[in-house]
Amino acid sequence: MARIQNFVNTNQRIFKKTLSYYIMHITVAMLVGYVVTGNLWMAITLSLLEPTVQAFAFFFHEKIWNKKDQAALNAQKATVMDA
């Protein structure tokens, strides 16, 4: 349980960004789905399915970029320490 709590606490900012992106994406997808199909239930279904998958993809996308940023920062620190 402590590992889960640590994971949630460590990634709290990414979770918040993911949630706000998810809500925005659902809204846009529902509007587009309704305009294209003219069917409210189909628009709702599509708007929930696709952004849910995207939310998971976004979370891992952020994790990869954070690692890349951290590696670049570590490389800068190493260069400064060697000078």
PDB file of N, CA and C in Angstrom:
ATOM      1  N   MET A   1       0.826  -1.205   0.000  1.00  0.00           N
ATOM      2  CA  MET A   1       0.000   0.000   0.000  1.00  0.00           C
ATOM      3  C   MET A   1       0.866   1.264   0.000  1.00  0.00           C
ATOM      4  N   ALA A   2       1.972   1.188   0.718  1.00  0.00           N
ATOM      5  CA  ALA A   2       2.867   2.346   0.786  1.00  0.00           C
ATOM      6  C   ALA A   2       3.459   2.656  -0.589  1.00  0.00           C
ATOM      7  N   ARG A   3       3.719   1.630  -1.387  1.00  0.00           N
ATOM      8  CA  ARG A   3       4.258   1.851  -2.733  1.00  0.00           C
ATOM      9  C   ARG A   3       3.251   2.585  -3.606  1.00  0.00           C
ATOM     10  N   ILE A   4       1.980   2.229  -3.458  1.00  0.00           N
ATOM     11  CA  ILE A   4       0.927   2.889  -4.244  1.00  0.00           C
ATOM     12  C   ILE A   4       0.805   4.348  -3.822  1.00  0.00           C
ATOM     13  N   GLN A   5       0.802   4.593  -2.508  1.00  0.00           N
ATOM     14  CA  GLN A   5       0.702   5.971  -2.016  1.00  0.00           C
ATOM     15  C   GLN A   5       1.897   6.798  -2.482  1.00  0.00           C
ATOM     16  N   ASN A   6       3.078   6.209  -2.430  1.00  0.00           N
ATOM     17  CA  ASN A   6       4.271   6.910  -2.893  1.00  0.00           C
ATOM     18  C   ASN A   6       4.178   7.219  -4.382  1.00  0.00           C
ATOM     19  N   PHE A   7       3.697   6.249  -5.162  1.00  0.00           N
ATOM     20  CA  PHE A   7       3.525   6.445  -6.596  1.00  0.00           C
ATOM     21  C   PHE A   7       2.557   7.589  -6.875  1.00  0.00           C
ATOM     22  N   VAL A   8       1.423   7.599  -6.164  1.00  0.00           N
ATOM     23  CA  VAL A   8       0.419   8.652  -6.356  1.00  0.00           C
ATOM     24  C   VAL A   8       0.995  10.005  -5.952  1.00  0.00           C
ATOM     25  N   ASN A   9       1.667  10.067  -4.811  1.00  0.00           N
ATOM     26  CA  ASN A   9       2.239  11.333  -4.347  1.00  0.00           C
ATOM     27  C   ASN A   9       3.323  11.839  -5.284  1.00  0.00           C
ATOM     28  N   THR A  10       4.146  10.946  -5.787  1.00  0.00           N
ATOM     29  CA  THR A  10       5.232  11.320  -6.683  1.00  0.00           C
ATOM     30  C   THR A  10       4.711  11.849  -8.013  1.00  0.00           C
ATOM     31  N   ASN A  11       3.586  11.328  -8.466  1.00  0.00           N
ATOM     32  CA  ASN A  11       3.055  11.683  -9.790  1.00  0.00           C
ATOM     33  C   ASN A  11       1.800  12.553  -9.723  1.00  0.00           C
ATOM     34  N   GLN A  12       1.587  13.222  -8.604  1.00  0.00           N
ATOM     35  CA  GLN A  12       0.353  13.990  -8.407  1.00  0.00           C
ATOM     36  C   GLN A  12       0.141  15.057  -9.481  1.00  0.00           C
ATOM     37  N   ARG A  13       1.193  15.778  -9.856  1.00  0.00           N
ATOM     38  CA  ARG A  13       1.052  16.830 -10.866  1.00  0.00           C
ATOM     39  C   ARG A  13       0.645  16.237 -12.216  1.00  0.00           C
ATOM     40  N   ILE A  14       1.266  15.125 -12.587  1.00  0.00           N
ATOM     41  CA  ILE A  14       0.936  14.486 -13.860  1.00  0.00           C
ATOM     42  C   ILE A  14      -0.503  13.973 -13.838  1.00  0.00           C
ATOM     43  N   PHE A  15      -0.939  13.427 -12.702  1.00  0.00           N
ATOM     44  CA  PHE A  15      -2.324  12.955 -12.588  1.00  0.00           C
ATOM     45  C   PHE A  15      -3.306  14.110 -12.781  1.00  0.00           C
ATOM     46  N   LYS A  16      -3.021  15.255 -12.184  1.00  0.00           N
ATOM     47  CA  LYS A  16      -3.905  16.419 -12.326  1.00  0.00           C
ATOM     48  C   LYS A  16      -3.946  16.903 -13.775  1.00  0.00           C
ATOM     49  N   LYS A  17      -2.785  16.968 -14.416  1.00  0.00           N
ATOM     50  CA  LYS A  17      -2.746  17.381 -15.821  1.00  0.00           C
ATOM     51  C   LYS A  17      -3.493  16.388 -16.697  1.00  0.00           C
ATOM     52  N   THR A  18      -3.317  15.113 -16.395  1.00  0.00           N
ATOM     53  CA  THR A  18      -3.993  14.071 -17.171  1.00  0.00           C
ATOM     54  C   THR A  18      -5.501  14.197 -17.028  1.00  0.00           C
ATOM     55  N   LEU A  19      -5.985  14.448 -15.816  1.00  0.00           N
ATOM     56  CA  LEU A  19      -7.426  14.590 -15.584  1.00  0.00           C
ATOM     57  C   LEU A  19      -7.985  15.805 -16.321  1.00  0.00           C
ATOM     58  N   SER A  20      -7.304  16.933 -16.260  1.00  0.00           N
ATOM     59  CA  SER A  20      -7.815  18.121 -16.949  1.00  0.00           C
ATOM     60  C   SER A  20      -7.802  17.914 -18.466  1.00  0.00           C
ATOM     61  N   TYR A  21      -6.773  17.258 -18.964  1.00  0.00           N
ATOM     62  CA  TYR A  21      -6.705  16.944 -20.393  1.00  0.00           C
ATOM     63  C   TYR A  21      -7.832  15.989 -20.781  1.00  0.00           C
ATOM     64  N   TYR A  22      -8.097  15.017 -19.930  1.00  0.00           N
ATOM     65  CA  TYR A  22      -9.157  14.031 -20.162  1.00  0.00           C
ATOM     66  C   TYR A  22     -10.528  14.717 -20.283  1.00  0.00           C
ATOM     67  N   ILE A  23     -10.829  15.607 -19.374  1.00  0.00           N
ATOM     68  CA  ILE A  23     -12.116  16.315 -19.388  1.00  0.00           C
ATOM     69  C   ILE A  23     -12.239  17.176 -20.652  1.00  0.00           C
ATOM     70  N   MET A  24     -11.166  17.897 -20.983  1.00  0.00           N
ATOM     71  CA  MET A  24     -11.197  18.716 -22.186  1.00  0.00           C
ATOM     72  C   MET A  24     -11.390  17.843 -23.423  1.00  0.00           C
ATOM     73  N   HIS A  25     -10.685  16.738 -23.470  1.00  0.00           N
ATOM     74  CA  HIS A  25     -10.738  15.863 -24.629  1.00  0.00           C
ATOM     75  C   HIS A  25     -12.127  15.233 -24.792  1.00  0.00           C
ATOM     76  N   ILE A  26     -12.745  14.813 -23.689  1.00  0.00           N
ATOM     77  CA  ILE A  26     -14.096  14.247 -23.746  1.00  0.00           C
ATOM     78  C   ILE A  26     -15.072  15.267 -24.319  1.00  0.00           C
ATOM     79  N   THR A  27     -14.970  16.490 -23.861  1.00  0.00           N
ATOM     80  CA  THR A  27     -15.882  17.540 -24.314  1.00  0.00           C
ATOM     81  C   THR A  27     -15.737  17.790 -25.814  1.00  0.00           C
ATOM     82  N   VAL A  28     -14.512  17.939 -26.266  1.00  0.00           N
ATOM     83  CA  VAL A  28     -14.275  18.173 -27.692  1.00  0.00           C
ATOM     84  C   VAL A  28     -14.717  16.964 -28.517  1.00  0.00           C
ATOM     85  N   ALA A  29     -14.357  15.759 -28.055  1.00  0.00           N
ATOM     86  CA  ALA A  29     -14.707  14.549 -28.800  1.00  0.00           C
ATOM     87  C   ALA A  29     -16.226  14.374 -28.883  1.00  0.00           C
ATOM     88  N   MET A  30     -16.942  14.706 -27.813  1.00  0.00           N
ATOM     89  CA  MET A  30     -18.398  14.564 -27.837  1.00  0.00           C
ATOM     90  C   MET A  30     -19.022  15.545 -28.824  1.00  0.00           C
ATOM     91  N   LEU A  31     -18.541  16.763 -28.831  1.00  0.00           N
ATOM     92  CA  LEU A  31     -19.077  17.752 -29.767  1.00  0.00           C
ATOM     93  C   LEU A  31     -18.808  17.340 -31.218  1.00  0.00           C
ATOM     94  N   VAL A  32     -17.593  16.899 -31.485  1.00  0.00           N
ATOM     95  CA  VAL A  32     -17.250  16.467 -32.842  1.00  0.00           C
ATOM     96  C   VAL A  32     -18.064  15.230 -33.221  1.00  0.00           C
ATOM     97  N   GLY A  33     -18.147  14.275 -32.308  1.00  0.00           N
ATOM     98  CA  GLY A  33     -18.914  13.055 -32.570  1.00  0.00           C
ATOM     99  C   GLY A  33     -20.374  13.347 -32.860  1.00  0.00           C
ATOM    100  N   TYR A  34     -20.938  14.292 -32.135  1.00  0.00           N
ATOM    101  CA  TYR A  34     -22.343  14.642 -32.353  1.00  0.00           C
ATOM    102  C   TYR A  34     -22.531  15.333 -33.707  1.00  0.00           C
ATOM    103  N   VAL A  35     -21.619  16.237 -34.042  1.00  0.00           N
ATOM    104  CA  VAL A  35     -21.719  16.940 -35.319  1.00  0.00           C
ATOM    105  C   VAL A  35     -21.602  15.948 -36.484  1.00  0.00           C
ATOM    106  N   VAL A  36     -20.711  14.976 -36.351  1.00  0.00           N
ATOM    107  CA  VAL A  36     -20.479  14.013 -37.430  1.00  0.00           C
ATOM    108  C   VAL A  36     -21.610  12.993 -37.532  1.00  0.00           C
ATOM    109  N   THR A  37     -22.073  12.456 -36.377  1.00  0.00           N
ATOM    110  CA  THR A  37     -23.059  11.371 -36.419  1.00  0.00           C
ATOM    111  C   THR A  37     -24.495  11.845 -36.267  1.00  0.00           C
ATOM    112  N   GLY A  38     -24.695  12.953 -35.568  1.00  0.00           N
ATOM    113  CA  GLY A  38     -26.052  13.416 -35.274  1.00  0.00           C
ATOM    114  C   GLY A  38     -26.729  12.549 -34.213  1.00  0.00           C
ATOM    115  N   ASN A  39     -25.977  11.629 -33.611  1.00  0.00           N
ATOM    116  CA  ASN A  39     -26.519  10.709 -32.618  1.00  0.00           C
ATOM    117  C   ASN A  39     -25.827  10.983 -31.281  1.00  0.00           C
ATOM    118  N   LEU A  40     -26.608  11.436 -30.285  1.00  0.00           N
ATOM    119  CA  LEU A  40     -26.044  11.806 -28.993  1.00  0.00           C
ATOM    120  C   LEU A  40     -25.409  10.610 -28.294  1.00  0.00           C
ATOM    121  N   TRP A  41     -26.060   9.444 -28.286  1.00  0.00           N
ATOM    122  CA  TRP A  41     -25.510   8.276 -27.588  1.00  0.00           C
ATOM    123  C   TRP A  41     -24.221   7.788 -28.226  1.00  0.00           C
ATOM    124  N   MET A  42     -24.145   7.808 -29.523  1.00  0.00           N
ATOM    125  CA  MET A  42     -22.915   7.408 -30.191  1.00  0.00           C
ATOM    126  C   MET A  42     -21.802   8.417 -29.894  1.00  0.00           C
ATOM    127  N   ALA A  43     -22.147   9.679 -29.889  1.00  0.00           N
ATOM    128  CA  ALA A  43     -21.162  10.720 -29.582  1.00  0.00           C
ATOM    129  C   ALA A  43     -20.623  10.560 -28.164  1.00  0.00           C
ATOM    130  N   ILE A  44     -21.505  10.265 -27.210  1.00  0.00           N
ATOM    131  CA  ILE A  44     -21.068  10.063 -25.823  1.00  0.00           C
ATOM    132  C   ILE A  44     -20.168   8.839 -25.712  1.00  0.00           C
ATOM    133  N   THR A  45     -20.566   7.752 -26.350  1.00  0.00           N
ATOM    134  CA  THR A  45     -19.765   6.520 -26.307  1.00  0.00           C
ATOM    135  C   THR A  45     -18.373   6.744 -26.884  1.00  0.00           C
ATOM    136  N   LEU A  46     -18.317   7.341 -28.064  1.00  0.00           N
ATOM    137  CA  LEU A  46     -17.025   7.614 -28.688  1.00  0.00           C
ATOM    138  C   LEU A  46     -16.193   8.583 -27.848  1.00  0.00           C
ATOM    139  N   SER A  47     -16.847   9.567 -27.274  1.00  0.00           N
ATOM    140  CA  SER A  47     -16.120  10.577 -26.514  1.00  0.00           C
ATOM    141  C   SER A  47     -15.550  10.022 -25.216  1.00  0.00           C
ATOM    142  N   LEU A  48     -16.114   8.952 -24.700  1.00  0.00           N
ATOM    143  CA  LEU A  48     -15.567   8.341 -23.483  1.00  0.00           C
ATOM    144  C   LEU A  48     -14.491   7.311 -23.798  1.00  0.00           C
ATOM    145  N   LEU A  49     -14.651   6.579 -24.855  1.00  0.00           N
ATOM    146  CA  LEU A  49     -13.710   5.513 -25.199  1.00  0.00           C
ATOM    147  C   LEU A  49     -12.352   6.057 -25.645  1.00  0.00           C
ATOM    148  N   GLU A  50     -12.349   6.874 -26.652  1.00  0.00           N
ATOM    149  CA  GLU A  50     -11.086   7.346 -27.228  1.00  0.00           C
ATOM    150  C   GLU A  50     -10.273   8.185 -26.240  1.00  0.00           C
ATOM    151  N   PRO A  51     -10.842   9.158 -25.541  1.00  0.00           N
ATOM    152  CA  PRO A  51     -10.036   9.936 -24.589  1.00  0.00           C
ATOM    153  C   PRO A  51      -9.528   9.115 -23.401  1.00  0.00           C
ATOM    154  N   THR A  52     -10.244   8.073 -23.036  1.00  0.00           N
ATOM    155  CA  THR A  52      -9.764   7.222 -21.939  1.00  0.00           C
ATOM    156  C   THR A  52      -8.446   6.563 -22.340  1.00  0.00           C
ATOM    157  N   VAL A  53      -8.388   6.051 -23.540  1.00  0.00           N
ATOM    158  CA  VAL A  53      -7.151   5.459 -24.039  1.00  0.00           C
ATOM    159  C   VAL A  53      -6.073   6.543 -24.149  1.00  0.00           C
ATOM    160  N   GLN A  54      -6.444   7.710 -24.644  1.00  0.00           N
ATOM    161  CA  GLN A  54      -5.491   8.815 -24.775  1.00  0.00           C
ATOM    162  C   GLN A  54      -4.950   9.274 -23.413  1.00  0.00           C
ATOM    163  N   ALA A  55      -5.785   9.254 -22.378  1.00  0.00           N
ATOM    164  CA  ALA A  55      -5.338   9.678 -21.048  1.00  0.00           C
ATOM    165  C   ALA A  55      -4.210   8.784 -20.545  1.00  0.00           C
ATOM    166  N   PHE A  56      -4.334   7.484 -20.751  1.00  0.00           N
ATOM    167  CA  PHE A  56      -3.266   6.572 -20.356  1.00  0.00           C
ATOM    168  C   PHE A  56      -2.010   6.842 -21.179  1.00  0.00           C
ATOM    169  N   ALA A  57      -2.185   7.056 -22.462  1.00  0.00           N
ATOM    170  CA  ALA A  57      -1.042   7.338 -23.330  1.00  0.00           C
ATOM    171  C   ALA A  57      -0.362   8.645 -22.906  1.00  0.00           C
ATOM    172  N   PHE A  58      -1.153   9.655 -22.558  1.00  0.00           N
ATOM    173  CA  PHE A  58      -0.599  10.944 -22.131  1.00  0.00           C
ATOM    174  C   PHE A  58       0.224  10.794 -20.860  1.00  0.00           C
ATOM    175  N   PHE A  59      -0.265  10.006 -19.909  1.00  0.00           N
ATOM    176  CA  PHE A  59       0.460   9.800 -18.651  1.00  0.00           C
ATOM    177  C   PHE A  59       1.857   9.251 -18.930  1.00  0.00           C
ATOM    178  N   PHE A  60       1.937   8.202 -19.746  1.00  0.00           N
ATOM    179  CA  PHE A  60       3.231   7.601 -20.043  1.00  0.00           C
ATOM    180  C   PHE A  60       4.097   8.512 -20.914  1.00  0.00           C
ATOM    181  N   HIS A  61       3.469   9.283 -21.773  1.00  0.00           N
ATOM    182  CA  HIS A  61       4.177  10.282 -22.566  1.00  0.00           C
ATOM    183  C   HIS A  61       4.871  11.285 -21.645  1.00  0.00           C
ATOM    184  N   GLU A  62       4.154  11.770 -20.638  1.00  0.00           N
ATOM    185  CA  GLU A  62       4.718  12.711 -19.667  1.00  0.00           C
ATOM    186  C   GLU A  62       5.868  12.080 -18.888  1.00  0.00           C
ATOM    187  N   LYS A  63       5.707  10.821 -18.488  1.00  0.00           N
ATOM    188  CA  LYS A  63       6.762  10.128 -17.743  1.00  0.00           C
ATOM    189  C   LYS A  63       8.041  10.053 -18.580  1.00  0.00           C
ATOM    190  N   ILE A  64       7.914   9.743 -19.857  1.00  0.00           N
ATOM    191  CA  ILE A  64       9.081   9.655 -20.739  1.00  0.00           C
ATOM    192  C   ILE A  64       9.749  11.018 -20.867  1.00  0.00           C
ATOM    193  N   TRP A  65       8.976  12.065 -21.063  1.00  0.00           N
ATOM    194  CA  TRP A  65       9.545  13.406 -21.186  1.00  0.00           C
ATOM    195  C   TRP A  65      10.199  13.856 -19.883  1.00  0.00           C
ATOM    196  N   ASN A  66       9.602  13.514 -18.753  1.00  0.00           N
ATOM    197  CA  ASN A  66      10.218  13.866 -17.468  1.00  0.00           C
ATOM    198  C   ASN A  66      11.567  13.182 -17.303  1.00  0.00           C
ATOM    199  N   LYS A  67      11.662  11.918 -17.703  1.00  0.00           N
ATOM    200  CA  LYS A  67      12.952  11.214 -17.638  1.00  0.00           C
ATOM    201  C   LYS A  67      13.971  11.863 -18.556  1.00  0.00           C
ATOM    202  N   LYS A  68      13.535  12.256 -19.742  1.00  0.00           N
ATOM    203  CA  LYS A  68      14.427  12.920 -20.691  1.00  0.00           C
ATOM    204  C   LYS A  68      14.929  14.240 -20.111  1.00  0.00           C
ATOM    205  N   ASP A  69      14.024  15.018 -19.524  1.00  0.00           N
ATOM    206  CA  ASP A  69      14.411  16.288 -18.914  1.00  0.00           C
ATOM    207  C   ASP A  69      15.388  16.070 -17.766  1.00  0.00           C
ATOM    208  N   GLN A  70      15.135  15.060 -16.950  1.00  0.00           N
ATOM    209  CA  GLN A  70      16.012  14.766 -15.814  1.00  0.00           C
ATOM    210  C   GLN A  70      17.394  14.330 -16.289  1.00  0.00           C
ATOM    211  N   ALA A  71      17.448  13.530 -17.354  1.00  0.00           N
ATOM    212  CA  ALA A  71      18.731  13.095 -17.905  1.00  0.00           C
ATOM    213  C   ALA A  71      19.520  14.292 -18.430  1.00  0.00           C
ATOM    214  N   ALA A  72      18.850  15.213 -19.094  1.00  0.00           N
ATOM    215  CA  ALA A  72      19.514  16.407 -19.608  1.00  0.00           C
ATOM    216  C   ALA A  72      20.038  17.267 -18.463  1.00  0.00           C
ATOM    217  N   LEU A  73      19.263  17.387 -17.400  1.00  0.00           N
ATOM    218  CA  LEU A  73      19.678  18.161 -16.230  1.00  0.00           C
ATOM    219  C   LEU A  73      20.894  17.514 -15.571  1.00  0.00           C
ATOM    220  N   ASN A  74      20.862  16.196 -15.450  1.00  0.00           N
ATOM    221  CA  ASN A  74      21.994  15.480 -14.861  1.00  0.00           C
ATOM    222  C   ASN A  74      23.250  15.646 -15.713  1.00  0.00           C
ATOM    223  N   ALA A  75      23.095  15.624 -17.038  1.00  0.00           N
ATOM    224  CA  ALA A  75      24.231  15.812 -17.933  1.00  0.00           C
ATOM    225  C   ALA A  75      24.812  17.224 -17.775  1.00  0.00           C
ATOM    226  N   GLN A  76      23.948  18.219 -17.615  1.00  0.00           N
ATOM    227  CA  GLN A  76      24.418  19.588 -17.406  1.00  0.00           C
ATOM    228  C   GLN A  76      25.190  19.696 -16.111  1.00  0.00           C
ATOM    229  N   LYS A  77      24.677  19.093 -15.058  1.00  0.00           N
ATOM    230  CA  LYS A  77      25.345  19.125 -13.760  1.00  0.00           C
ATOM    231  C   LYS A  77      26.710  18.458 -13.837  1.00  0.00           C
ATOM    232  N   ALA A  78      26.786  17.340 -14.545  1.00  0.00           N
ATOM    233  CA  ALA A  78      28.057  16.622 -14.681  1.00  0.00           C
ATOM    234  C   ALA A  78      29.062  17.477 -15.436  1.00  0.00           C
ATOM    235  N   THR A  79      28.603  18.191 -16.463  1.00  0.00           N
ATOM    236  CA  THR A  79      29.493  19.056 -17.252  1.00  0.00           C
ATOM    237  C   THR A  79      30.020  20.191 -16.390  1.00  0.00           C
ATOM    238  N   VAL A  80      29.173  20.775 -15.576  1.00  0.00           N
ATOM    239  CA  VAL A  80      29.568  21.885 -14.712  1.00  0.00           C
ATOM    240  C   VAL A  80      30.568  21.387 -13.661  1.00  0.00           C
ATOM    241  N   MET A  81      30.345  20.217 -13.118  1.00  0.00           N
ATOM    242  CA  MET A  81      31.230  19.681 -12.089  1.00  0.00           C
ATOM    243  C   MET A  81      32.602  19.314 -12.668  1.00  0.00           C
ATOM    244  N   ASP A  82      32.649  18.910 -13.949  1.00  0.00           N
ATOM    245  CA  ASP A  82      33.914  18.552 -14.576  1.00  0.00           C
ATOM    246  C   ASP A  82      34.744  19.781 -14.927  1.00  0.00           C
ATOM    247  N   ALA A  83      34.090  20.934 -15.054  1.00  0.00           N
ATOM    248  CA  ALA A  83      34.791  22.157 -15.477  1.00  0.00           C
ATOM    249  C   ALA A  83      35.587  22.785 -14.365  1.00  0.00           C
TER     250      ALA A  83
END
